């Protein structure tokens, strides 16, 4: 037999249960201490009304008024300078070099030292030379020819001839203008033929044939001014045919 007394299992279980209960009580007390602290330790949250009042005060705060160009933001001043540079270039394209340089001076005053202002001044100086003015006149003449404005083209070529009477570019542009005039005359003739066919069809009460002839004339040259009157006549023919059916 062992000299030591035998401990019963039930006694050991009871001791461990008591220790566990004591631990639970201690944890509960700690939790109560942490979560039940006074709310005064945290800063108070702002109310909705206080937030609205703050926003209202910010909105009603006075803003500095812009009284002149010097007080405007840098971006606005730059925009004005670039606008003046654009005006200067357009004036130079029309041969108004003094006015163009005045615009550049304003741009310099608004934003000194812009590279765009210096570049525009250099180009305008080139255009102000006889060669530059000659190039402007030729450019205008080409634009007029492309727009079928032959009277304006001839006017620009005459101005160019004052600067360089023997320049081959003038003769070349006049040849291009004559070719364009001949081409336009040919188109106009074809349009006139189709419109004549349209009117013949209207006279025969052939509205479908009149429509075909008008559409062909429009296909040849939709910008031909003769189409305006023909369009009115065709609409009247359609109205007459509709009234007859009714």
Protein backbone atom coordinates (compact mmCIF):
# COMPACT_ATOMS: atom_id res chain seq x y z
CA UNK A 1 0.00 0.00 0.00
CA UNK A 2 1.16 3.57 -0.76
CA UNK A 3 2.11 5.69 2.26
CA UNK A 4 0.32 8.67 0.68
CA UNK A 5 -3.39 9.12 0.93
CA UNK A 6 -5.41 8.68 -2.27
CA UNK A 7 -7.25 11.86 -3.45
CA UNK A 8 -10.68 11.36 -4.83
CA UNK A 9 -11.36 12.58 -8.35
CA UNK A 10 -14.42 14.52 -7.31
CA UNK A 11 -12.40 16.76 -5.02
CA UNK A 12 -9.96 17.75 -7.82
CA UNK A 13 -12.77 18.61 -10.19
CA UNK A 14 -14.41 20.80 -7.56
CA UNK A 15 -11.18 22.76 -6.97
CA UNK A 16 -10.73 23.51 -10.67
CA UNK A 17 -14.32 24.65 -10.96
CA UNK A 18 -13.84 27.15 -8.15
CA UNK A 19 -10.69 28.57 -9.78
CA UNK A 20 -12.52 28.97 -13.12
CA UNK A 21 -15.41 30.81 -11.52
CA UNK A 22 -13.09 33.25 -9.79
CA UNK A 23 -11.37 33.99 -13.16
CA UNK A 24 -14.70 34.71 -14.87
CA UNK A 25 -15.66 37.18 -12.13
CA UNK A 26 -12.36 39.05 -12.54
CA UNK A 27 -12.73 39.30 -16.33
CA UNK A 28 -16.25 40.61 -15.97
CA UNK A 29 -15.09 43.32 -13.60
CA UNK A 30 -12.39 44.44 -16.00
CA UNK A 31 -14.86 44.63 -18.87
CA UNK A 32 -17.23 46.69 -16.76
CA UNK A 33 -14.42 49.11 -15.92
CA UNK A 34 -13.41 49.53 -19.59
CA UNK A 35 -16.86 49.93 -21.15
CA UNK A 36 -18.55 51.87 -18.40
CA UNK A 37 -16.12 54.82 -18.25
CA UNK A 38 -17.69 58.29 -18.18
CA UNK A 39 -18.50 59.78 -21.60
CA UNK A 40 -16.77 62.98 -20.54
CA UNK A 41 -13.39 61.45 -21.45
CA UNK A 42 -14.29 61.67 -25.23
CA UNK A 43 -14.74 65.03 -26.99
CA UNK A 44 -18.39 65.85 -27.76
CA UNK A 45 -19.52 65.27 -31.38
CA UNK A 46 -20.70 68.37 -33.23
CA UNK A 47 -24.45 68.63 -33.73
CA UNK A 48 -26.09 68.89 -37.17
CA UNK A 49 -27.19 72.43 -36.46
CA UNK A 50 -23.61 73.48 -35.62
CA UNK A 51 -22.37 72.00 -38.92
CA UNK A 52 -25.06 73.86 -40.87
CA UNK A 53 -24.19 77.14 -39.14
CA UNK A 54 -20.49 76.69 -40.00
CA UNK A 55 -21.27 76.01 -43.67
CA UNK A 56 -23.56 79.06 -43.79
CA UNK A 57 -20.86 81.30 -42.29
CA UNK A 58 -18.30 80.06 -44.86
CA UNK A 59 -20.68 80.69 -47.76
CA UNK A 60 -21.52 84.19 -46.61
CA UNK A 61 -17.91 85.21 -46.05
CA UNK A 62 -16.99 88.20 -48.29
CA UNK A 63 -14.83 87.47 -51.32
CA UNK A 64 -12.33 89.91 -52.81
CA UNK A 65 -13.73 91.70 -55.85
CA UNK A 66 -11.74 91.87 -59.09
CA UNK A 67 -11.52 95.50 -60.09
CA UNK A 68 -9.01 95.44 -62.93
CA UNK A 69 -6.90 93.14 -65.08
CA UNK A 70 -3.93 93.22 -62.72
CA UNK A 71 -6.07 91.66 -59.95
CA UNK A 72 -7.36 88.75 -62.09
CA UNK A 73 -5.90 85.24 -61.80
CA UNK A 74 -2.80 84.43 -63.83
CA UNK A 75 -4.80 82.07 -66.08
CA UNK A 76 -7.20 84.84 -67.10
CA UNK A 77 -4.30 87.17 -67.90
CA UNK A 78 -2.64 84.48 -70.04
CA UNK A 79 -5.88 83.84 -71.90
CA UNK A 80 -6.16 87.54 -72.71
CA UNK A 81 -2.57 87.61 -73.95
CA UNK A 82 -3.13 84.64 -76.28
CA UNK A 83 -6.34 86.22 -77.53
CA UNK A 84 -4.44 89.40 -78.39
CA UNK A 85 -1.79 87.37 -80.21
CA UNK A 86 -4.49 85.69 -82.29
CA UNK A 87 -5.99 89.07 -83.16
CA UNK A 88 -2.56 90.34 -84.18
CA UNK A 89 -2.07 87.43 -86.59
CA UNK A 90 -5.47 87.94 -88.20
CA UNK A 91 -4.80 91.64 -88.65
CA UNK A 92 -1.44 90.86 -90.23
CA UNK A 93 -3.11 88.43 -92.66
CA UNK A 94 -5.17 91.38 -93.86
CA UNK A 95 -2.11 93.61 -94.21
CA UNK A 96 -2.90 95.70 -91.12
CA UNK A 97 0.58 95.50 -89.65
CA UNK A 98 0.46 98.60 -87.45
CA UNK A 99 -2.71 97.39 -85.74
CA UNK A 100 -1.21 93.91 -85.41
CA UNK A 101 1.89 95.25 -83.65
CA UNK A 102 -0.33 97.28 -81.32
CA UNK A 103 -2.10 94.07 -80.28
CA UNK A 104 1.25 92.42 -79.61
CA UNK A 105 2.25 95.37 -77.42
CA UNK A 106 -0.90 94.80 -75.36
CA UNK A 107 -0.04 91.11 -75.07
CA UNK A 108 3.45 92.02 -73.84
CA UNK A 109 1.94 94.32 -71.25
CA UNK A 110 -0.45 91.61 -70.03
CA UNK A 111 2.16 88.82 -69.83
CA UNK A 112 5.72 89.97 -70.51
CA UNK A 113 8.17 87.58 -72.13
CA UNK A 114 5.80 85.11 -73.81
CA UNK A 115 7.58 83.10 -76.50
CA UNK A 116 4.35 83.09 -78.54
CA UNK A 117 4.36 86.88 -78.64
CA UNK A 118 7.95 86.94 -79.87
CA UNK A 119 7.20 84.34 -82.55
CA UNK A 120 4.14 86.25 -83.74
CA UNK A 121 6.15 89.47 -83.90
CA UNK A 122 8.81 87.75 -86.00
CA UNK A 123 6.25 86.37 -88.47
CA UNK A 124 4.43 89.67 -88.72
CA UNK A 125 7.72 91.41 -89.45
CA UNK A 126 8.28 88.92 -92.28
CA UNK A 127 4.79 89.51 -93.66
CA UNK A 128 5.34 93.26 -93.60
CA UNK A 129 8.13 92.96 -96.17
CA UNK A 130 7.33 93.12 -99.91
CA UNK A 131 7.84 89.36 -100.19
CA UNK A 132 5.52 88.79 -97.24
CA UNK A 133 2.78 91.00 -98.68
CA UNK A 134 3.15 89.26 -102.03
CA UNK A 135 2.68 85.87 -100.34
CA UNK A 136 -0.46 87.16 -98.60
CA UNK A 137 -2.00 88.31 -101.89
CA UNK A 138 -1.31 84.95 -103.55
CA UNK A 139 -2.83 83.10 -100.60
CA UNK A 140 -5.97 85.20 -100.80
CA UNK A 141 -6.21 84.63 -104.53
CA UNK A 142 -5.97 80.84 -104.07
CA UNK A 143 -8.69 80.95 -101.43
CA UNK A 144 -10.98 82.95 -103.70
CA UNK A 145 -10.43 80.56 -106.61
CA UNK A 146 -11.24 77.61 -104.36
CA UNK A 147 -14.50 79.35 -103.40
CA UNK A 148 -15.37 80.06 -107.07
CA UNK A 149 -15.15 83.79 -106.32
CA UNK A 150 -13.26 84.74 -109.45
CA UNK A 151 -13.83 88.49 -109.12
CA UNK A 152 -12.14 88.48 -105.71
CA UNK A 153 -9.34 86.27 -107.04
CA UNK A 154 -8.63 88.67 -109.89
CA UNK A 155 -8.56 91.58 -107.43
CA UNK A 156 -5.96 89.84 -105.25
CA UNK A 157 -3.84 88.93 -108.26
CA UNK A 158 -3.91 92.55 -109.41
CA UNK A 159 -2.59 93.63 -105.99
CA UNK A 160 0.11 90.96 -106.17
CA UNK A 161 1.13 92.20 -109.62
CA UNK A 162 1.77 95.66 -108.17
CA UNK A 163 4.43 94.12 -105.91
CA UNK A 164 5.97 91.71 -108.44
CA UNK A 165 4.63 92.31 -111.96
CA UNK A 166 6.72 89.58 -113.58
CA UNK A 167 6.27 86.91 -110.93
CA UNK A 168 5.49 83.51 -112.52
CA UNK A 169 3.17 82.64 -109.62
CA UNK A 170 0.66 85.25 -110.84
CA UNK A 171 0.49 83.76 -114.34
CA UNK A 172 0.15 80.27 -112.89
CA UNK A 173 -2.76 81.27 -110.66
CA UNK A 174 -4.49 83.00 -113.56
CA UNK A 175 -4.26 79.77 -115.55
CA UNK A 176 -5.70 77.84 -112.62
CA UNK A 177 -8.51 80.36 -112.38
CA UNK A 178 -9.33 80.04 -116.09
CA UNK A 179 -9.38 76.26 -115.82
CA UNK A 180 -11.71 76.46 -112.83
CA UNK A 181 -14.00 78.87 -114.69
CA UNK A 182 -14.18 76.53 -117.68
CA UNK A 183 -14.96 73.59 -115.43
CA UNK A 184 -17.70 75.55 -113.69
CA UNK A 185 -19.18 76.62 -117.01
CA UNK A 186 -19.30 72.99 -118.09
CA UNK A 187 -21.04 71.98 -114.87
CA UNK A 188 -23.54 74.81 -115.26
CA UNK A 189 -24.29 73.68 -118.81
CA UNK A 190 -24.98 70.11 -117.66
CA UNK A 191 -27.21 71.36 -114.85
CA UNK A 192 -29.14 73.51 -117.31
CA UNK A 193 -29.70 70.48 -119.55
CA UNK A 194 -31.15 68.43 -116.70
CA UNK A 195 -33.38 71.27 -115.56
CA UNK A 196 -34.69 71.66 -119.10
CA UNK A 197 -35.51 67.94 -119.09
CA UNK A 198 -37.27 68.41 -115.73
CA UNK A 199 -39.48 71.15 -117.14
CA UNK A 200 -40.31 69.05 -120.19
CA UNK A 201 -41.36 66.21 -117.90
CA UNK A 202 -43.54 68.57 -115.87
CA UNK A 203 -45.22 69.72 -119.06
CA UNK A 204 -46.02 66.06 -119.90
CA UNK A 205 -47.34 65.53 -116.35
CA UNK A 206 -44.49 63.07 -115.80
CA UNK A 207 -43.70 63.94 -112.20
CA UNK A 208 -41.47 60.91 -111.66
CA UNK A 209 -39.39 61.89 -114.71
CA UNK A 210 -39.17 65.46 -113.42
CA UNK A 211 -37.90 64.19 -110.07
CA UNK A 212 -35.20 62.12 -111.76
CA UNK A 213 -34.00 65.06 -113.85
CA UNK A 214 -33.89 67.39 -110.85
CA UNK A 215 -31.98 64.84 -108.76
CA UNK A 216 -29.42 64.42 -111.54
CA UNK A 217 -28.96 68.19 -111.77
CA UNK A 218 -28.40 68.30 -108.00
CA UNK A 219 -25.85 65.51 -108.24
CA UNK A 220 -23.86 67.45 -110.83
CA UNK A 221 -23.65 70.63 -108.73
CA UNK A 222 -25.82 70.93 -105.66
CA UNK A 223 -24.66 74.53 -105.16
CA UNK A 224 -25.79 75.75 -108.59
CA UNK A 225 -28.12 78.73 -107.98
CA UNK A 226 -30.42 77.61 -110.81
CA UNK A 227 -31.60 74.76 -108.59
CA UNK A 228 -33.46 77.14 -106.28
CA UNK A 229 -36.03 78.19 -108.87
CA UNK A 230 -36.26 74.66 -110.26
CA UNK A 231 -37.03 73.32 -106.77
CA UNK A 232 -39.97 75.72 -106.48
CA UNK A 233 -41.33 74.69 -109.89
CA UNK A 234 -41.05 71.00 -109.03
CA UNK A 235 -42.88 71.49 -105.73
CA UNK A 236 -45.69 73.30 -107.54
CA UNK A 237 -45.94 70.44 -110.03
CA UNK A 238 -46.25 67.95 -107.16
CA UNK A 239 -49.00 70.05 -105.56
CA UNK A 240 -50.90 70.25 -108.84
CA UNK A 241 -50.69 66.49 -109.37
CA UNK A 242 -51.88 65.85 -105.80
CA UNK A 243 -54.82 68.24 -106.21
CA UNK A 244 -55.82 66.49 -109.43
CA UNK A 245 -55.95 63.11 -107.66
CA UNK A 246 -58.08 64.55 -104.86
